[in-house]
Amino acid sequence: SGAAAKTSTTTDHNPAIKDSSPAQASMAAEGRNSFTESQARS
């Protein structure tokens, strides 16, 4: 039960993009960016 509890409370706090809506953030997340310049501009 301790192992199951640990597993269920562990979450990824840095998930990759999940939707196409741009969101305003206070700080950029560091990580490998797969957007092209054209996609970023769009």
PDB file of all heavy atoms in Angstrom:
ATOM      1  N   SER A   1       0.825  -1.203   0.000  1.00  0.00           N
ATOM      2  CA  SER A   1       0.000   0.000   0.000  1.00  0.00           C
ATOM      3  C   SER A   1       0.858   1.250   0.000  1.00  0.00           C
ATOM      4  O   SER A   1       0.507   2.251  -0.603  1.00  0.00           O
ATOM      5  CB  SER A   1      -0.962   0.007   1.190  1.00  0.00           C
ATOM      6  OG  SER A   1      -0.238   0.097   2.408  1.00  0.00           O
ATOM      7  N   GLY A   2       2.013   1.212   0.640  1.00  0.00           N
ATOM      8  CA  GLY A   2       2.931   2.359   0.621  1.00  0.00           C
ATOM      9  C   GLY A   2       3.480   2.600  -0.763  1.00  0.00           C
ATOM     10  O   GLY A   2       3.595   3.726  -1.228  1.00  0.00           O
ATOM     11  N   ALA A   3       3.820   1.534  -1.471  1.00  0.00           N
ATOM     12  CA  ALA A   3       4.329   1.668  -2.837  1.00  0.00           C
ATOM     13  C   ALA A   3       3.257   2.212  -3.759  1.00  0.00           C
ATOM     14  O   ALA A   3       3.516   3.061  -4.601  1.00  0.00           O
ATOM     15  CB  ALA A   3       4.826   0.316  -3.340  1.00  0.00           C
ATOM     16  N   ALA A   4       2.026   1.731  -3.581  1.00  0.00           N
ATOM     17  CA  ALA A   4       0.927   2.218  -4.419  1.00  0.00           C
ATOM     18  C   ALA A   4       0.652   3.686  -4.136  1.00  0.00           C
ATOM     19  O   ALA A   4       0.410   4.469  -5.047  1.00  0.00           O
ATOM     20  CB  ALA A   4      -0.329   1.388  -4.172  1.00  0.00           C
ATOM     21  N   ALA A   5       0.709   4.085  -2.876  1.00  0.00           N
ATOM     22  CA  ALA A   5       0.469   5.488  -2.530  1.00  0.00           C
ATOM     23  C   ALA A   5       1.542   6.374  -3.125  1.00  0.00           C
ATOM     24  O   ALA A   5       1.264   7.440  -3.643  1.00  0.00           O
ATOM     25  CB  ALA A   5       0.414   5.651  -1.015  1.00  0.00           C
ATOM     26  N   LYS A   6       2.774   5.926  -3.077  1.00  0.00           N
ATOM     27  CA  LYS A   6       3.867   6.712  -3.634  1.00  0.00           C
ATOM     28  C   LYS A   6       3.698   6.863  -5.134  1.00  0.00           C
ATOM     29  O   LYS A   6       3.864   7.929  -5.683  1.00  0.00           O
ATOM     30  CB  LYS A   6       5.206   6.060  -3.308  1.00  0.00           C
ATOM     31  CG  LYS A   6       6.380   6.857  -3.796  1.00  0.00           C
ATOM     32  CD  LYS A   6       7.683   6.228  -3.369  1.00  0.00           C
ATOM     33  CE  LYS A   6       8.844   7.070  -3.842  1.00  0.00           C
ATOM     34  NZ  LYS A   6      10.113   6.481  -3.505  1.00  0.00           N
ATOM     35  N   THR A   7       3.345   5.804  -5.807  1.00  0.00           N
ATOM     36  CA  THR A   7       3.159   5.839  -7.247  1.00  0.00           C
ATOM     37  C   THR A   7       2.017   6.773  -7.637  1.00  0.00           C
ATOM     38  O   THR A   7       2.131   7.544  -8.569  1.00  0.00           O
ATOM     39  CB  THR A   7       2.870   4.426  -7.785  1.00  0.00           C
ATOM     40  OG1 THR A   7       3.965   3.585  -7.420  1.00  0.00           O
ATOM     41  CG2 THR A   7       2.712   4.434  -9.282  1.00  0.00           C
ATOM     42  N   SER A   8       0.925   6.754  -6.895  1.00  0.00           N
ATOM     43  CA  SER A   8      -0.231   7.551  -7.278  1.00  0.00           C
ATOM     44  C   SER A   8      -0.042   9.036  -6.994  1.00  0.00           C
ATOM     45  O   SER A   8      -0.714   9.855  -7.578  1.00  0.00           O
ATOM     46  CB  SER A   8      -1.482   7.044  -6.553  1.00  0.00           C
ATOM     47  OG  SER A   8      -1.349   7.256  -5.170  1.00  0.00           O
ATOM     48  N   THR A   9       0.887   9.399  -6.108  1.00  0.00           N
ATOM     49  CA  THR A   9       1.085  10.811  -5.816  1.00  0.00           C
ATOM     50  C   THR A   9       2.233  11.409  -6.616  1.00  0.00           C
ATOM     51  O   THR A   9       2.432  12.606  -6.611  1.00  0.00           O
ATOM     52  CB  THR A   9       1.360  11.032  -4.313  1.00  0.00           C
ATOM     53  OG1 THR A   9       2.516  10.291  -3.946  1.00  0.00           O
ATOM     54  CG2 THR A   9       0.169  10.613  -3.481  1.00  0.00           C
ATOM     55  N   THR A  10       3.005  10.577  -7.304  1.00  0.00           N
ATOM     56  CA  THR A  10       4.102  11.081  -8.105  1.00  0.00           C
ATOM     57  C   THR A  10       3.549  11.548  -9.439  1.00  0.00           C
ATOM     58  O   THR A  10       2.898  10.790 -10.140  1.00  0.00           O
ATOM     59  CB  THR A  10       5.151   9.981  -8.337  1.00  0.00           C
ATOM     60  OG1 THR A  10       5.585   9.523  -7.067  1.00  0.00           O
ATOM     61  CG2 THR A  10       6.329  10.498  -9.122  1.00  0.00           C
ATOM     62  N   THR A  11       3.798  12.816  -9.787  1.00  0.00           N
ATOM     63  CA  THR A  11       3.338  13.341 -11.073  1.00  0.00           C
ATOM     64  C   THR A  11       4.491  14.008 -11.795  1.00  0.00           C
ATOM     65  O   THR A  11       5.476  14.404 -11.187  1.00  0.00           O
ATOM     66  CB  THR A  11       2.214  14.377 -10.888  1.00  0.00           C
ATOM     67  OG1 THR A  11       2.708  15.434 -10.057  1.00  0.00           O
ATOM     68  CG2 THR A  11       0.986  13.752 -10.270  1.00  0.00           C
ATOM     69  N   ASP A  12       4.358  14.146 -13.075  1.00  0.00           N
ATOM     70  CA  ASP A  12       5.354  14.827 -13.888  1.00  0.00           C
ATOM     71  C   ASP A  12       5.019  16.308 -13.873  1.00  0.00           C
ATOM     72  O   ASP A  12       4.023  16.727 -14.439  1.00  0.00           O
ATOM     73  CB  ASP A  12       5.322  14.273 -15.307  1.00  0.00           C
ATOM     74  CG  ASP A  12       6.411  14.859 -16.178  1.00  0.00           C
ATOM     75  OD1 ASP A  12       7.196  15.691 -15.695  1.00  0.00           O
ATOM     76  OD2 ASP A  12       6.475  14.490 -17.360  1.00  0.00           O
ATOM     77  N   HIS A  13       5.849  17.106 -13.234  1.00  0.00           N
ATOM     78  CA  HIS A  13       5.595  18.537 -13.127  1.00  0.00           C
ATOM     79  C   HIS A  13       6.104  19.304 -14.340  1.00  0.00           C
ATOM     80  O   HIS A  13       6.055  20.516 -14.360  1.00  0.00           O
ATOM     81  CB  HIS A  13       6.240  19.096 -11.858  1.00  0.00           C
ATOM     82  CG  HIS A  13       5.619  18.553 -10.611  1.00  0.00           C
ATOM     83  ND1 HIS A  13       4.336  18.855 -10.241  1.00  0.00           N
ATOM     84  CD2 HIS A  13       6.078  17.695  -9.687  1.00  0.00           C
ATOM     85  CE1 HIS A  13       4.037  18.236  -9.128  1.00  0.00           C
ATOM     86  NE2 HIS A  13       5.082  17.511  -8.771  1.00  0.00           N
ATOM     87  N   ASN A  14       6.606  18.593 -15.302  1.00  0.00           N
ATOM     88  CA  ASN A  14       7.158  19.253 -16.462  1.00  0.00           C
ATOM     89  C   ASN A  14       6.728  18.523 -17.738  1.00  0.00           C
ATOM     90  O   ASN A  14       7.555  18.110 -18.521  1.00  0.00           O
ATOM     91  CB  ASN A  14       8.688  19.270 -16.337  1.00  0.00           C
ATOM     92  CG  ASN A  14       9.296  20.384 -17.120  1.00  0.00           C
ATOM     93  OD1 ASN A  14       8.599  21.275 -17.579  1.00  0.00           O
ATOM     94  ND2 ASN A  14      10.594  20.341 -17.302  1.00  0.00           N
ATOM     95  N   PRO A  15       5.408  18.367 -17.940  1.00  0.00           N
ATOM     96  CA  PRO A  15       4.953  17.625 -19.110  1.00  0.00           C
ATOM     97  C   PRO A  15       5.158  18.419 -20.394  1.00  0.00           C
ATOM     98  O   PRO A  15       5.221  19.643 -20.376  1.00  0.00           O
ATOM     99  CB  PRO A  15       3.457  17.433 -18.841  1.00  0.00           C
ATOM    100  CG  PRO A  15       3.098  18.602 -18.011  1.00  0.00           C
ATOM    101  CD  PRO A  15       4.307  18.867 -17.143  1.00  0.00           C
ATOM    102  N   ALA A  16       5.252  17.702 -21.475  1.00  0.00           N
ATOM    103  CA  ALA A  16       5.348  18.353 -22.782  1.00  0.00           C
ATOM    104  C   ALA A  16       4.001  18.962 -23.133  1.00  0.00           C
ATOM    105  O   ALA A  16       3.007  18.744 -22.458  1.00  0.00           O
ATOM    106  CB  ALA A  16       5.759  17.338 -23.833  1.00  0.00           C
ATOM    107  N   ILE A  17       3.952  19.710 -24.213  1.00  0.00           N
ATOM    108  CA  ILE A  17       2.738  20.390 -24.645  1.00  0.00           C
ATOM    109  C   ILE A  17       1.591  19.394 -24.836  1.00  0.00           C
ATOM    110  O   ILE A  17       1.792  18.313 -25.338  1.00  0.00           O
ATOM    111  CB  ILE A  17       3.005  21.176 -25.943  1.00  0.00           C
ATOM    112  CG1 ILE A  17       1.797  21.984 -26.342  1.00  0.00           C
ATOM    113  CG2 ILE A  17       3.445  20.282 -27.046  1.00  0.00           C
ATOM    114  CD1 ILE A  17       2.069  22.954 -27.450  1.00  0.00           C
ATOM    115  N   LYS A  18       0.390  19.773 -24.400  1.00  0.00           N
ATOM    116  CA  LYS A  18      -0.761  18.882 -24.498  1.00  0.00           C
ATOM    117  C   LYS A  18      -1.876  19.452 -25.365  1.00  0.00           C
ATOM    118  O   LYS A  18      -2.771  18.742 -25.746  1.00  0.00           O
ATOM    119  CB  LYS A  18      -1.315  18.578 -23.115  1.00  0.00           C
ATOM    120  CG  LYS A  18      -0.372  17.728 -22.309  1.00  0.00           C
ATOM    121  CD  LYS A  18      -0.990  17.305 -21.026  1.00  0.00           C
ATOM    122  CE  LYS A  18      -0.032  16.411 -20.284  1.00  0.00           C
ATOM    123  NZ  LYS A  18      -0.570  15.849 -19.092  1.00  0.00           N
ATOM    124  N   ASP A  19      -1.875  20.742 -25.628  1.00  0.00           N
ATOM    125  CA  ASP A  19      -2.917  21.299 -26.481  1.00  0.00           C
ATOM    126  C   ASP A  19      -2.331  22.379 -27.363  1.00  0.00           C
ATOM    127  O   ASP A  19      -1.190  22.766 -27.215  1.00  0.00           O
ATOM    128  CB  ASP A  19      -4.107  21.818 -25.661  1.00  0.00           C
ATOM    129  CG  ASP A  19      -3.755  23.001 -24.780  1.00  0.00           C
ATOM    130  OD1 ASP A  19      -2.943  23.856 -25.192  1.00  0.00           O
ATOM    131  OD2 ASP A  19      -4.293  23.081 -23.674  1.00  0.00           O
ATOM    132  N   SER A  20      -3.139  22.854 -28.277  1.00  0.00           N
ATOM    133  CA  SER A  20      -2.635  23.819 -29.243  1.00  0.00           C
ATOM    134  C   SER A  20      -2.853  25.268 -28.826  1.00  0.00           C
ATOM    135  O   SER A  20      -2.486  26.171 -29.549  1.00  0.00           O
ATOM    136  CB  SER A  20      -3.292  23.572 -30.599  1.00  0.00           C
ATOM    137  OG  SER A  20      -4.691  23.767 -30.473  1.00  0.00           O
ATOM    138  N   SER A  21      -3.432  25.503 -27.664  1.00  0.00           N
ATOM    139  CA  SER A  21      -3.690  26.864 -27.207  1.00  0.00           C
ATOM    140  C   SER A  21      -2.460  27.447 -26.523  1.00  0.00           C
ATOM    141  O   SER A  21      -1.963  26.861 -25.567  1.00  0.00           O
ATOM    142  CB  SER A  21      -4.849  26.888 -26.206  1.00  0.00           C
ATOM    143  OG  SER A  21      -5.984  26.301 -26.767  1.00  0.00           O
ATOM    144  N   PRO A  22      -1.957  28.580 -26.998  1.00  0.00           N
ATOM    145  CA  PRO A  22      -0.810  29.182 -26.323  1.00  0.00           C
ATOM    146  C   PRO A  22      -1.216  29.718 -24.952  1.00  0.00           C
ATOM    147  O   PRO A  22      -2.264  30.324 -24.811  1.00  0.00           O
ATOM    148  CB  PRO A  22      -0.369  30.305 -27.254  1.00  0.00           C
ATOM    149  CG  PRO A  22      -1.509  30.543 -28.170  1.00  0.00           C
ATOM    150  CD  PRO A  22      -2.373  29.324 -28.155  1.00  0.00           C
ATOM    151  N   ALA A  23      -0.403  29.476 -23.967  1.00  0.00           N
ATOM    152  CA  ALA A  23      -0.680  29.961 -22.620  1.00  0.00           C
ATOM    153  C   ALA A  23       0.385  30.964 -22.226  1.00  0.00           C
ATOM    154  O   ALA A  23       1.536  30.855 -22.629  1.00  0.00           O
ATOM    155  CB  ALA A  23      -0.682  28.794 -21.639  1.00  0.00           C
ATOM    156  N   GLN A  24       0.006  31.960 -21.443  1.00  0.00           N
ATOM    157  CA  GLN A  24       0.952  32.934 -20.926  1.00  0.00           C
ATOM    158  C   GLN A  24       1.540  32.350 -19.647  1.00  0.00           C
ATOM    159  O   GLN A  24       0.820  31.846 -18.799  1.00  0.00           O
ATOM    160  CB  GLN A  24       0.243  34.256 -20.627  1.00  0.00           C
ATOM    161  CG  GLN A  24       1.171  35.415 -20.332  1.00  0.00           C
ATOM    162  CD  GLN A  24       1.898  35.920 -21.571  1.00  0.00           C
ATOM    163  OE1 GLN A  24       1.370  35.889 -22.666  1.00  0.00           O
ATOM    164  NE2 GLN A  24       3.110  36.384 -21.385  1.00  0.00           N
ATOM    165  N   ALA A  25       2.856  32.395 -19.501  1.00  0.00           N
ATOM    166  CA  ALA A  25       3.518  31.878 -18.306  1.00  0.00           C
ATOM    167  C   ALA A  25       4.432  32.962 -17.745  1.00  0.00           C
ATOM    168  O   ALA A  25       4.864  33.869 -18.465  1.00  0.00           O
ATOM    169  CB  ALA A  25       4.323  30.634 -18.638  1.00  0.00           C
ATOM    170  N   SER A  26       4.716  32.880 -16.464  1.00  0.00           N
ATOM    171  CA  SER A  26       5.598  33.871 -15.843  1.00  0.00           C
ATOM    172  C   SER A  26       7.062  33.557 -16.101  1.00  0.00           C
ATOM    173  O   SER A  26       7.909  34.442 -16.072  1.00  0.00           O
ATOM    174  CB  SER A  26       5.335  33.947 -14.338  1.00  0.00           C
ATOM    175  OG  SER A  26       5.576  32.688 -13.748  1.00  0.00           O
ATOM    176  N   MET A  27       7.358  32.287 -16.352  1.00  0.00           N
ATOM    177  CA  MET A  27       8.742  31.878 -16.584  1.00  0.00           C
ATOM    178  C   MET A  27       8.755  30.735 -17.596  1.00  0.00           C
ATOM    179  O   MET A  27       7.931  29.830 -17.529  1.00  0.00           O
ATOM    180  CB  MET A  27       9.356  31.406 -15.265  1.00  0.00           C
ATOM    181  CG  MET A  27      10.831  31.245 -15.296  1.00  0.00           C
ATOM    182  SD  MET A  27      11.403  31.026 -13.602  1.00  0.00           S
ATOM    183  CE  MET A  27      12.362  29.571 -13.832  1.00  0.00           C
ATOM    184  N   ALA A  28       9.694  30.789 -18.533  1.00  0.00           N
ATOM    185  CA  ALA A  28       9.785  29.749 -19.549  1.00  0.00           C
ATOM    186  C   ALA A  28      10.352  28.466 -18.944  1.00  0.00           C
ATOM    187  O   ALA A  28      11.258  28.506 -18.126  1.00  0.00           O
ATOM    188  CB  ALA A  28      10.683  30.217 -20.696  1.00  0.00           C
ATOM    189  N   ALA A  29       9.789  27.340 -19.355  1.00  0.00           N
ATOM    190  CA  ALA A  29      10.297  26.041 -18.920  1.00  0.00           C
ATOM    191  C   ALA A  29      11.504  25.678 -19.769  1.00  0.00           C
ATOM    192  O   ALA A  29      11.473  25.792 -20.999  1.00  0.00           O
ATOM    193  CB  ALA A  29       9.210  24.981 -19.060  1.00  0.00           C
ATOM    194  N   GLU A  30      12.565  25.262 -19.113  1.00  0.00           N
ATOM    195  CA  GLU A  30      13.753  24.839 -19.837  1.00  0.00           C
ATOM    196  C   GLU A  30      13.532  23.426 -20.356  1.00  0.00           C
ATOM    197  O   GLU A  30      12.949  22.596 -19.681  1.00  0.00           O
ATOM    198  CB  GLU A  30      14.965  24.854 -18.918  1.00  0.00           C
ATOM    199  CG  GLU A  30      15.329  26.229 -18.430  1.00  0.00           C
ATOM    200  CD  GLU A  30      16.525  26.208 -17.504  1.00  0.00           C
ATOM    201  OE1 GLU A  30      17.201  25.165 -17.380  1.00  0.00           O
ATOM    202  OE2 GLU A  30      16.795  27.240 -16.898  1.00  0.00           O
ATOM    203  N   GLY A  31      14.005  23.164 -21.542  1.00  0.00           N
ATOM    204  CA  GLY A  31      13.887  21.828 -22.107  1.00  0.00           C
ATOM    205  C   GLY A  31      14.078  21.847 -23.602  1.00  0.00           C
ATOM    206  O   GLY A  31      14.045  22.891 -24.244  1.00  0.00           O
ATOM    207  N   ARG A  32      14.277  20.689 -24.135  1.00  0.00           N
ATOM    208  CA  ARG A  32      14.507  20.549 -25.570  1.00  0.00           C
ATOM    209  C   ARG A  32      13.249  20.966 -26.327  1.00  0.00           C
ATOM    210  O   ARG A  32      12.191  20.390 -26.153  1.00  0.00           O
ATOM    211  CB  ARG A  32      14.873  19.111 -25.878  1.00  0.00           C
ATOM    212  CG  ARG A  32      15.282  18.928 -27.285  1.00  0.00           C
ATOM    213  CD  ARG A  32      15.752  17.517 -27.500  1.00  0.00           C
ATOM    214  NE  ARG A  32      16.022  17.336 -28.910  1.00  0.00           N
ATOM    215  CZ  ARG A  32      16.939  16.551 -29.366  1.00  0.00           C
ATOM    216  NH1 ARG A  32      17.666  15.854 -28.552  1.00  0.00           N
ATOM    217  NH2 ARG A  32      17.119  16.437 -30.655  1.00  0.00           N
ATOM    218  N   ASN A  33      13.380  21.962 -27.180  1.00  0.00           N
ATOM    219  CA  ASN A  33      12.253  22.547 -27.897  1.00  0.00           C
ATOM    220  C   ASN A  33      12.208  21.991 -29.313  1.00  0.00           C
ATOM    221  O   ASN A  33      13.159  22.118 -30.067  1.00  0.00           O
ATOM    222  CB  ASN A  33      12.401  24.075 -27.925  1.00  0.00           C
ATOM    223  CG  ASN A  33      11.140  24.781 -28.306  1.00  0.00           C
ATOM    224  OD1 ASN A  33      10.377  24.320 -29.138  1.00  0.00           O
ATOM    225  ND2 ASN A  33      10.908  25.922 -27.700  1.00  0.00           N
ATOM    226  N   SER A  34      11.102  21.358 -29.670  1.00  0.00           N
ATOM    227  CA  SER A  34      10.981  20.782 -31.004  1.00  0.00           C
ATOM    228  C   SER A  34      10.246  21.690 -31.986  1.00  0.00           C
ATOM    229  O   SER A  34      10.090  21.331 -33.140  1.00  0.00           O
ATOM    230  CB  SER A  34      10.273  19.425 -30.928  1.00  0.00           C
ATOM    231  OG  SER A  34       8.971  19.582 -30.428  1.00  0.00           O
ATOM    232  N   PHE A  35       9.797  22.871 -31.519  1.00  0.00           N
ATOM    233  CA  PHE A  35       9.166  23.811 -32.445  1.00  0.00           C
ATOM    234  C   PHE A  35      10.208  24.343 -33.418  1.00  0.00           C
ATOM    235  O   PHE A  35      11.334  24.647 -33.037  1.00  0.00           O
ATOM    236  CB  PHE A  35       8.581  25.025 -31.695  1.00  0.00           C
ATOM    237  CG  PHE A  35       7.352  24.734 -30.892  1.00  0.00           C
ATOM    238  CD1 PHE A  35       7.387  24.786 -29.511  1.00  0.00           C
ATOM    239  CD2 PHE A  35       6.152  24.432 -31.510  1.00  0.00           C
ATOM    240  CE1 PHE A  35       6.256  24.545 -28.757  1.00  0.00           C
ATOM    241  CE2 PHE A  35       5.012  24.182 -30.765  1.00  0.00           C
ATOM    242  CZ  PHE A  35       5.065  24.238 -29.382  1.00  0.00           C
ATOM    243  N   THR A  36       9.811  24.493 -34.679  1.00  0.00           N
ATOM    244  CA  THR A  36      10.662  25.195 -35.627  1.00  0.00           C
ATOM    245  C   THR A  36      10.450  26.695 -35.410  1.00  0.00           C
ATOM    246  O   THR A  36       9.498  27.100 -34.725  1.00  0.00           O
ATOM    247  CB  THR A  36      10.292  24.836 -37.081  1.00  0.00           C
ATOM    248  OG1 THR A  36       8.960  25.308 -37.339  1.00  0.00           O
ATOM    249  CG2 THR A  36      10.394  23.335 -37.331  1.00  0.00           C
ATOM    250  N   GLU A  37      11.296  27.518 -36.000  1.00  0.00           N
ATOM    251  CA  GLU A  37      11.108  28.961 -35.859  1.00  0.00           C
ATOM    252  C   GLU A  37       9.754  29.380 -36.426  1.00  0.00           C
ATOM    253  O   GLU A  37       9.040  30.192 -35.840  1.00  0.00           O
ATOM    254  CB  GLU A  37      12.229  29.741 -36.555  1.00  0.00           C
ATOM    255  CG  GLU A  37      12.063  31.241 -36.401  1.00  0.00           C
ATOM    256  CD  GLU A  37      13.160  32.058 -37.070  1.00  0.00           C
ATOM    257  OE1 GLU A  37      14.065  31.471 -37.685  1.00  0.00           O
ATOM    258  OE2 GLU A  37      13.097  33.298 -36.967  1.00  0.00           O
ATOM    259  N   SER A  38       9.362  28.793 -37.541  1.00  0.00           N
ATOM    260  CA  SER A  38       8.078  29.117 -38.160  1.00  0.00           C
ATOM    261  C   SER A  38       6.909  28.734 -37.244  1.00  0.00           C
ATOM    262  O   SER A  38       5.943  29.495 -37.106  1.00  0.00           O
ATOM    263  CB  SER A  38       7.959  28.387 -39.504  1.00  0.00           C
ATOM    264  OG  SER A  38       6.706  28.615 -40.078  1.00  0.00           O
ATOM    265  N   GLN A  39       7.000  27.578 -36.608  1.00  0.00           N
ATOM    266  CA  GLN A  39       5.941  27.154 -35.688  1.00  0.00           C
ATOM    267  C   GLN A  39       5.894  28.068 -34.455  1.00  0.00           C
ATOM    268  O   GLN A  39       4.818  28.410 -33.972  1.00  0.00           O
ATOM    269  CB  GLN A  39       6.166  25.703 -35.255  1.00  0.00           C
ATOM    270  CG  GLN A  39       5.925  24.710 -36.349  1.00  0.00           C
ATOM    271  CD  GLN A  39       6.414  23.318 -35.979  1.00  0.00           C
ATOM    272  OE1 GLN A  39       7.404  23.149 -35.273  1.00  0.00           O
ATOM    273  NE2 GLN A  39       5.714  22.311 -36.475  1.00  0.00           N
ATOM    274  N   ALA A  40       7.063  28.465 -33.960  1.00  0.00           N
ATOM    275  CA  ALA A  40       7.118  29.365 -32.811  1.00  0.00           C
ATOM    276  C   ALA A  40       6.486  30.714 -33.174  1.00  0.00           C
ATOM    277  O   ALA A  40       5.695  31.279 -32.409  1.00  0.00           O
ATOM    278  CB  ALA A  40       8.564  29.549 -32.352  1.00  0.00           C
ATOM    279  N   ARG A  41       6.819  31.219 -34.339  1.00  0.00           N
ATOM    280  CA  ARG A  41       6.254  32.492 -34.812  1.00  0.00           C
ATOM    281  C   ARG A  41       4.732  32.387 -34.923  1.00  0.00           C
ATOM    282  O   ARG A  41       3.996  33.276 -34.492  1.00  0.00           O
ATOM    283  CB  ARG A  41       6.862  32.851 -36.162  1.00  0.00           C
ATOM    284  CG  ARG A  41       6.395  34.146 -36.777  1.00  0.00           C
ATOM    285  CD  ARG A  41       7.044  34.401 -38.125  1.00  0.00           C
ATOM    286  NE  ARG A  41       8.481  34.215 -38.126  1.00  0.00           N
ATOM    287  CZ  ARG A  41       9.352  35.067 -37.592  1.00  0.00           C
ATOM    288  NH1 ARG A  41       8.911  36.150 -37.012  1.00  0.00           N
ATOM    289  NH2 ARG A  41      10.641  34.824 -37.634  1.00  0.00           N
ATOM    290  N   SER A  42       4.245  31.294 -35.486  1.00  0.00           N
ATOM    291  CA  SER A  42       2.806  31.073 -35.631  1.00  0.00           C
ATOM    292  C   SER A  42       2.118  31.019 -34.268  1.00  0.00           C
ATOM    293  O   SER A  42       1.038  31.577 -34.083  1.00  0.00           O
ATOM    294  CB  SER A  42       2.573  29.768 -36.398  1.00  0.00           C
ATOM    295  OG  SER A  42       1.209  29.471 -36.468  1.00  0.00           O
TER     296      SER A  42
END
